[in-house]
Protein backbone atom coordinates (compact mmCIF):
# COMPACT_ATOMS: atom_id res chain seq x y z
CA MET A 1 -62.83 77.52 123.03
CA HIS A 2 -64.06 79.20 119.88
CA ASP A 3 -61.71 81.36 117.83
CA TYR A 4 -64.56 83.15 116.02
CA ASP A 5 -67.87 84.64 117.09
CA LEU A 6 -69.00 84.30 113.49
CA LEU A 7 -68.02 82.43 110.33
CA VAL A 8 -69.69 83.72 107.18
CA VAL A 9 -69.88 81.28 104.26
CA GLY A 10 -71.06 83.03 101.15
CA SER A 11 -70.52 85.32 98.23
CA ALA A 12 -68.01 88.05 97.53
CA ASN A 13 -68.81 90.39 94.65
CA ALA A 14 -67.67 93.66 93.20
CA ASP A 15 -70.66 96.02 93.27
CA LEU A 16 -70.94 98.21 90.15
CA VAL A 17 -73.37 100.96 91.12
CA ILE A 18 -75.15 103.58 89.00
CA GLY A 19 -77.60 106.18 90.33
CA VAL A 20 -80.71 106.75 88.19
CA ASP A 21 -83.68 109.10 88.32
CA ARG A 22 -85.85 106.02 87.76
CA ARG A 23 -85.14 102.43 86.95
CA PRO A 24 -85.69 101.48 83.27
CA GLY A 25 -88.59 99.40 82.05
CA ALA A 26 -88.28 96.54 79.57
CA GLY A 27 -86.58 97.70 76.39
CA GLU A 28 -85.86 101.15 77.81
CA THR A 29 -82.52 102.98 78.17
CA VAL A 30 -82.03 105.65 80.85
CA LEU A 31 -79.00 107.76 81.70
CA GLY A 32 -77.31 107.39 85.06
CA SER A 33 -74.53 108.74 87.23
CA ASP A 34 -70.81 107.95 86.99
CA LEU A 35 -70.05 104.31 87.74
CA ALA A 36 -68.92 103.56 91.29
CA VAL A 37 -67.18 100.28 92.19
CA HIS A 38 -67.49 98.97 95.75
CA PRO A 39 -66.66 95.68 97.50
CA GLY A 40 -69.85 93.71 98.10
CA GLY A 41 -71.60 90.36 97.93
CA LYS A 42 -73.93 89.15 100.67
CA GLY A 43 -71.32 87.00 102.37
CA ALA A 44 -68.55 89.59 102.25
CA ASN A 45 -70.98 92.29 103.38
CA GLN A 46 -72.09 90.31 106.41
CA ALA A 47 -68.49 89.60 107.40
CA VAL A 48 -67.46 93.27 107.16
CA ALA A 49 -70.59 94.41 109.02
CA ALA A 50 -69.90 92.06 111.92
CA ALA A 51 -66.16 92.77 112.07
CA ARG A 52 -66.71 96.52 112.03
CA LEU A 53 -68.98 96.11 115.05
CA GLY A 54 -66.23 94.24 116.90
CA ALA A 55 -66.94 90.58 116.09
CA ARG A 56 -64.19 88.01 115.70
CA THR A 57 -65.12 87.11 112.14
CA ALA A 58 -63.89 84.77 109.40
CA LEU A 59 -65.04 84.41 105.79
CA LEU A 60 -65.18 81.27 103.63
CA ALA A 61 -65.67 82.38 100.02
CA ARG A 62 -64.10 82.26 96.57
CA VAL A 63 -62.89 85.19 94.45
CA GLY A 64 -61.12 85.46 91.10
CA ASP A 65 -57.43 86.11 90.62
CA ASP A 66 -58.18 89.61 89.33
CA ASP A 67 -58.45 93.25 90.39
CA TYR A 68 -61.94 92.81 91.82
CA GLY A 69 -60.77 89.84 93.88
CA ARG A 70 -57.90 91.87 95.30
CA LEU A 71 -60.32 94.72 96.10
CA LEU A 72 -62.48 92.30 98.06
CA LEU A 73 -59.60 90.76 99.99
CA ASP A 74 -58.29 94.22 100.89
CA SER A 75 -61.70 95.34 102.16
CA GLN A 76 -62.08 92.25 104.34
CA ARG A 77 -58.64 92.60 105.86
CA THR A 78 -59.11 96.32 106.48
CA ALA A 79 -62.31 95.56 108.41
CA GLY A 80 -60.50 92.94 110.50
CA VAL A 81 -61.97 89.79 108.92
CA ASP A 82 -59.81 86.64 108.91
CA THR A 83 -59.45 85.78 105.19
CA ALA A 84 -57.60 82.47 105.58
CA GLY A 85 -60.73 80.77 104.22
CA VAL A 86 -61.03 82.92 101.09
CA LEU A 87 -60.05 80.83 98.06
CA VAL A 88 -58.65 82.50 94.93
CA GLY A 89 -59.10 81.40 91.30
CA GLY A 90 -61.29 79.13 89.25
CA ALA A 91 -63.35 81.89 87.62
CA PRO A 92 -63.58 85.69 87.54
CA THR A 93 -64.76 87.43 90.69
CA GLY A 94 -68.54 87.74 90.97
CA VAL A 95 -70.06 91.06 89.97
CA ALA A 96 -73.33 92.76 91.01
CA LEU A 97 -74.85 95.37 88.69
CA ILE A 98 -76.86 97.77 90.88
CA THR A 99 -79.11 100.71 90.05
CA VAL A 100 -80.22 103.04 92.84
CA ASP A 101 -83.09 105.52 92.48
CA PRO A 102 -83.51 108.82 94.41
CA SER A 103 -85.59 107.13 97.13
CA GLY A 104 -82.68 104.80 97.91
CA ASP A 105 -84.39 101.69 96.51
CA ASN A 106 -82.22 99.42 94.38
CA SER A 107 -82.40 96.69 91.74
CA ILE A 108 -79.58 94.15 91.46
CA VAL A 109 -78.43 91.61 88.87
CA VAL A 110 -75.60 89.28 89.97
CA SER A 111 -73.05 87.42 87.83
CA GLN A 112 -71.95 84.67 90.20
CA GLY A 113 -68.47 84.09 88.76
CA ALA A 114 -66.19 82.49 91.35
CA ASN A 115 -69.04 82.28 93.87
CA ALA A 116 -70.57 79.47 91.81
CA ARG A 117 -67.32 77.51 92.19
CA LEU A 118 -67.42 77.38 96.00
CA THR A 119 -68.04 73.65 96.42
CA PRO A 120 -69.03 71.18 99.15
CA GLY A 121 -65.44 69.94 98.94
CA ASP A 122 -64.22 73.42 99.84
CA VAL A 123 -66.48 73.29 102.91
CA ARG A 124 -65.13 69.92 103.98
CA ALA A 125 -61.57 71.20 103.56
CA ALA A 126 -62.43 74.14 105.84
CA ALA A 127 -63.83 71.98 108.67
CA SER A 128 -61.45 73.61 111.17
CA LEU A 129 -63.00 77.02 110.44
CA LEU A 130 -66.49 75.68 111.06
CA ALA A 131 -65.42 73.95 114.25
CA ALA A 132 -63.88 77.20 115.53
CA ALA A 133 -67.04 79.32 115.12
CA ARG A 134 -69.98 79.88 117.46
CA VAL A 135 -72.33 80.88 114.62
CA VAL A 136 -72.24 80.34 110.85
CA SER A 137 -74.16 82.67 108.56
CA LEU A 138 -75.25 81.67 105.05
CA GLN A 139 -76.98 83.12 102.00
CA LEU A 140 -77.87 81.72 98.56
CA GLU A 141 -75.42 83.52 96.25
CA ILE A 142 -73.34 80.33 96.40
CA PRO A 143 -74.52 76.85 95.24
CA LEU A 144 -77.32 75.36 97.32
CA GLU A 145 -75.38 72.09 97.60
CA THR A 146 -72.58 74.05 99.29
CA VAL A 147 -75.03 75.65 101.71
CA ALA A 148 -76.45 72.22 102.47
CA GLU A 149 -72.96 70.86 103.20
CA VAL A 150 -72.33 73.65 105.71
CA VAL A 151 -75.67 72.97 107.40
CA ARG A 152 -74.98 69.23 107.53
CA ALA A 153 -71.56 69.76 109.11
CA ALA A 154 -72.90 72.28 111.63
CA ASP A 155 -75.73 69.95 112.64
CA ALA A 156 -73.38 66.96 113.02
CA GLY A 157 -70.90 68.80 115.22
CA PHE A 158 -67.19 68.14 115.61
CA GLY A 159 -65.61 65.49 117.78
CA GLY A 160 -68.52 65.33 120.18
CA ARG A 161 -68.84 69.12 120.35
CA PRO A 162 -71.94 70.87 118.98
CA GLY A 163 -71.44 72.66 115.68
CA PRO A 164 -72.11 76.35 115.16
CA ARG A 165 -75.60 77.82 115.27
CA VAL A 166 -76.92 78.32 111.72
CA VAL A 167 -78.30 81.65 110.48
CA LEU A 168 -79.64 81.53 106.91
CA ASN A 169 -80.95 84.32 104.68
CA PRO A 170 -82.43 82.64 101.56
CA SER A 171 -81.49 85.38 99.12
CA PRO A 172 -81.71 85.20 96.20
CA THR A 173 -84.79 83.08 96.67
CA ALA A 174 -84.76 79.35 96.00
CA PRO A 175 -86.68 76.35 97.37
CA LEU A 176 -85.02 75.04 100.53
CA PRO A 177 -84.72 71.33 101.39
CA ALA A 178 -86.42 70.28 104.61
CA ASP A 179 -83.12 69.18 106.19
CA VAL A 180 -81.67 72.67 105.62
CA LEU A 181 -84.74 74.44 107.01
CA ALA A 182 -84.72 72.23 110.11
CA VAL A 183 -81.34 73.55 111.28
CA CYS A 184 -81.96 77.29 110.69
CA ASP A 185 -81.96 79.23 113.96
CA PRO A 186 -83.07 81.68 112.67
CA LEU A 187 -84.24 81.70 109.07
CA VAL A 188 -84.05 85.41 108.14
CA VAL A 189 -86.43 86.61 105.40
CA ASN A 190 -87.85 89.84 104.05
CA GLU A 191 -91.37 90.12 102.62
CA HIS A 192 -90.37 88.98 99.13
CA GLU A 193 -88.46 85.96 100.44
CA ALA A 194 -91.27 85.00 102.83
CA ARG A 195 -93.89 85.13 100.08
CA PHE A 196 -91.67 83.06 97.76
CA LEU A 197 -91.15 80.31 100.32
CA LEU A 198 -94.92 80.34 101.04
CA SER A 199 -96.04 80.46 97.41
CA ASP A 200 -97.92 77.17 97.90
CA ASP A 201 -99.44 78.24 101.22
CA PRO A 202 -102.45 80.54 101.83
CA ALA A 203 -100.27 82.53 104.25
CA GLY A 204 -98.19 83.65 101.27
CA SER A 205 -101.14 85.76 100.10
CA SER A 206 -101.62 87.38 103.50
CA ASP A 207 -100.40 90.85 104.40
CA ASP A 208 -99.76 89.81 108.00
CA PRO A 209 -96.08 89.13 108.83
CA GLU A 210 -97.16 87.06 111.85
CA GLU A 211 -98.94 84.67 109.50
CA TRP A 212 -95.78 84.41 107.36
CA ALA A 213 -93.67 83.70 110.42
CA ASP A 214 -96.06 81.09 111.79
CA ALA A 215 -96.33 79.35 108.42
CA LEU A 216 -92.56 79.34 107.96
CA ARG A 217 -92.01 78.00 111.47
CA SER A 218 -94.36 75.12 110.69
CA ARG A 219 -91.94 74.06 107.93
CA GLY A 220 -89.16 73.28 110.36
CA PRO A 221 -86.88 76.21 111.23
CA ARG A 222 -86.12 76.54 114.92
CA SER A 223 -86.83 80.26 114.68
CA VAL A 224 -87.77 82.86 112.07
CA VAL A 225 -86.97 86.56 111.70
CA VAL A 226 -88.99 88.60 109.21
CA THR A 227 -87.38 91.93 108.33
CA LEU A 228 -89.88 94.73 107.67
CA GLY A 229 -87.73 97.60 106.41
CA GLY A 230 -88.55 100.82 108.23
CA GLU A 231 -91.05 98.98 110.43
CA GLY A 232 -88.35 96.87 112.10
CA ALA A 233 -88.46 93.08 112.34
CA LEU A 234 -90.67 90.27 113.62
CA VAL A 235 -89.13 87.51 115.75
CA ALA A 236 -90.82 84.12 116.07
CA ASP A 237 -89.56 81.06 117.94
CA ARG A 238 -91.18 78.24 119.85
CA ASP A 239 -91.91 80.49 122.85
CA ARG A 240 -93.03 83.85 121.47
CA THR A 241 -93.61 86.23 118.60
CA VAL A 242 -92.19 89.71 119.11
CA LEU A 243 -92.31 92.81 116.90
CA VAL A 244 -89.11 94.85 117.22
CA PRO A 245 -89.61 98.41 115.89
CA SER A 246 -86.92 100.23 113.96
CA LEU A 247 -85.68 103.78 114.31
CA ALA A 248 -87.02 106.57 112.11
CA VAL A 249 -84.19 107.57 109.75
CA LYS A 250 -83.94 109.12 106.29
CA ALA A 251 -82.95 106.38 103.83
CA VAL A 252 -80.23 107.35 101.36
CA ASP A 253 -79.33 103.90 99.96
CA THR A 254 -80.71 100.54 101.07
CA THR A 255 -77.95 98.53 99.33
CA GLY A 256 -76.47 96.09 101.84
CA ALA A 257 -78.75 97.07 104.71
CA GLY A 258 -80.17 93.56 104.97
CA ASP A 259 -76.64 92.15 105.07
CA ALA A 260 -75.69 94.59 107.82
CA PHE A 261 -78.76 93.48 109.78
CA THR A 262 -78.00 89.77 109.38
CA GLY A 263 -74.29 90.15 110.13
CA ALA A 264 -75.09 92.08 113.31
CA LEU A 265 -77.77 89.58 114.33
CA ALA A 266 -75.46 86.60 113.82
CA TRP A 267 -72.67 88.26 115.82
CA ARG A 268 -74.91 89.05 118.79
CA LEU A 269 -76.17 85.46 118.83
CA GLY A 270 -72.53 84.38 118.81
CA VAL A 271 -71.77 86.36 121.96
CA GLY A 272 -74.77 84.96 123.80
CA ASP A 273 -77.71 87.31 123.24
CA ASP A 274 -81.14 85.72 123.01
CA LEU A 275 -82.90 86.17 119.68
CA PRO A 276 -85.12 89.20 120.49
CA THR A 277 -82.17 91.03 122.05
CA ALA A 278 -79.98 90.28 119.04
CA VAL A 279 -82.69 91.53 116.69
CA ARG A 280 -83.10 94.76 118.66
CA PHE A 281 -79.43 95.48 118.10
CA ALA A 282 -79.56 94.40 114.46
CA VAL A 283 -82.44 96.73 113.54
CA ARG A 284 -80.38 99.65 114.84
CA VAL A 285 -77.45 98.55 112.68
CA GLY A 286 -79.70 98.24 109.63
CA ALA A 287 -81.18 101.68 110.29
CA ALA A 288 -77.72 103.23 110.51
CA ALA A 289 -76.64 101.53 107.27
CA VAL A 290 -79.39 103.06 105.12
CA THR A 291 -78.39 106.62 106.05
CA ARG A 292 -75.21 106.45 103.94
CA PRO A 293 -74.50 105.43 100.34
CA GLY A 294 -72.90 102.13 99.38
CA ALA A 295 -72.92 98.74 101.01
CA GLN A 296 -69.80 98.10 103.12
CA ALA A 297 -68.96 101.82 103.24
CA SER A 298 -72.27 102.43 105.01
CA PHE A 299 -71.83 99.86 107.78
CA PRO A 300 -71.55 101.43 111.24
CA THR A 301 -69.20 100.82 114.13
CA ALA A 302 -70.58 99.86 117.54
CA GLU A 303 -70.00 103.43 118.69
CA GLU A 304 -72.04 104.81 115.80
CA VAL A 305 -74.88 102.42 116.59
CA ALA A 306 -74.85 103.47 120.24
CA ALA A 307 -75.06 107.13 119.20
CA LEU A 308 -78.30 106.65 117.22
């Protein structure tokens, strides 16, 4: 019996957001809107997105013993996320500095803070959380060695039982060890992340997402999902490659939309959907998320997704 549909292991940041008419170039200063502070971080975002949809969700993360850390814990609990795995202290809470232009596109700089202090030892101490989850979702705003420890534990299983299915979004981009790639099911990438991982491969210069997916699959992941923004997402596993179209919506703010997509995808895999079916649901969640400002504040409920 699993207590959680989804365990998210990852970052928790305070998002400091400023709207701008255009993003500044090197050496340039531009004026922006009033500062808005929101709970964020890829891990925390995924956990809130899944919980708001109805998933039984837990978060393993680290925050500072400060006002931003308390903001993040409150937002998780309000969404219904189990925060027993959220560790407090060791460094200030991570912060993301975000600028958003009128088209809804954003640029982000992250100060890792406490996220960088989430260690492999913390993962080993939280083995009961991993054992209780059907799916574990990961990103790269925490140390790669910590991600690798989660993957190792999930692949090894617990007491003769299989470990959770691993969903990994390699953002921000970094080279991935072969043993980490081999357990991803799926590896979730956007165009930028796909091209980075394929920088030494001719497919990285292609404009064809199917070529990216095929080349990434050849490196070991059990499946690959390539997100394509307003075009939807491409699903590739050993049996098929499927393009899942998105809905036509007016984008207000894309901040957190990828996290909403991945959180929704991981949850649906946790309740037994096959990969294409899970992606079809996730693209609807991502489309709903871009129609409202903010990250977690924009994430829809299951009822709102059904109404699209």
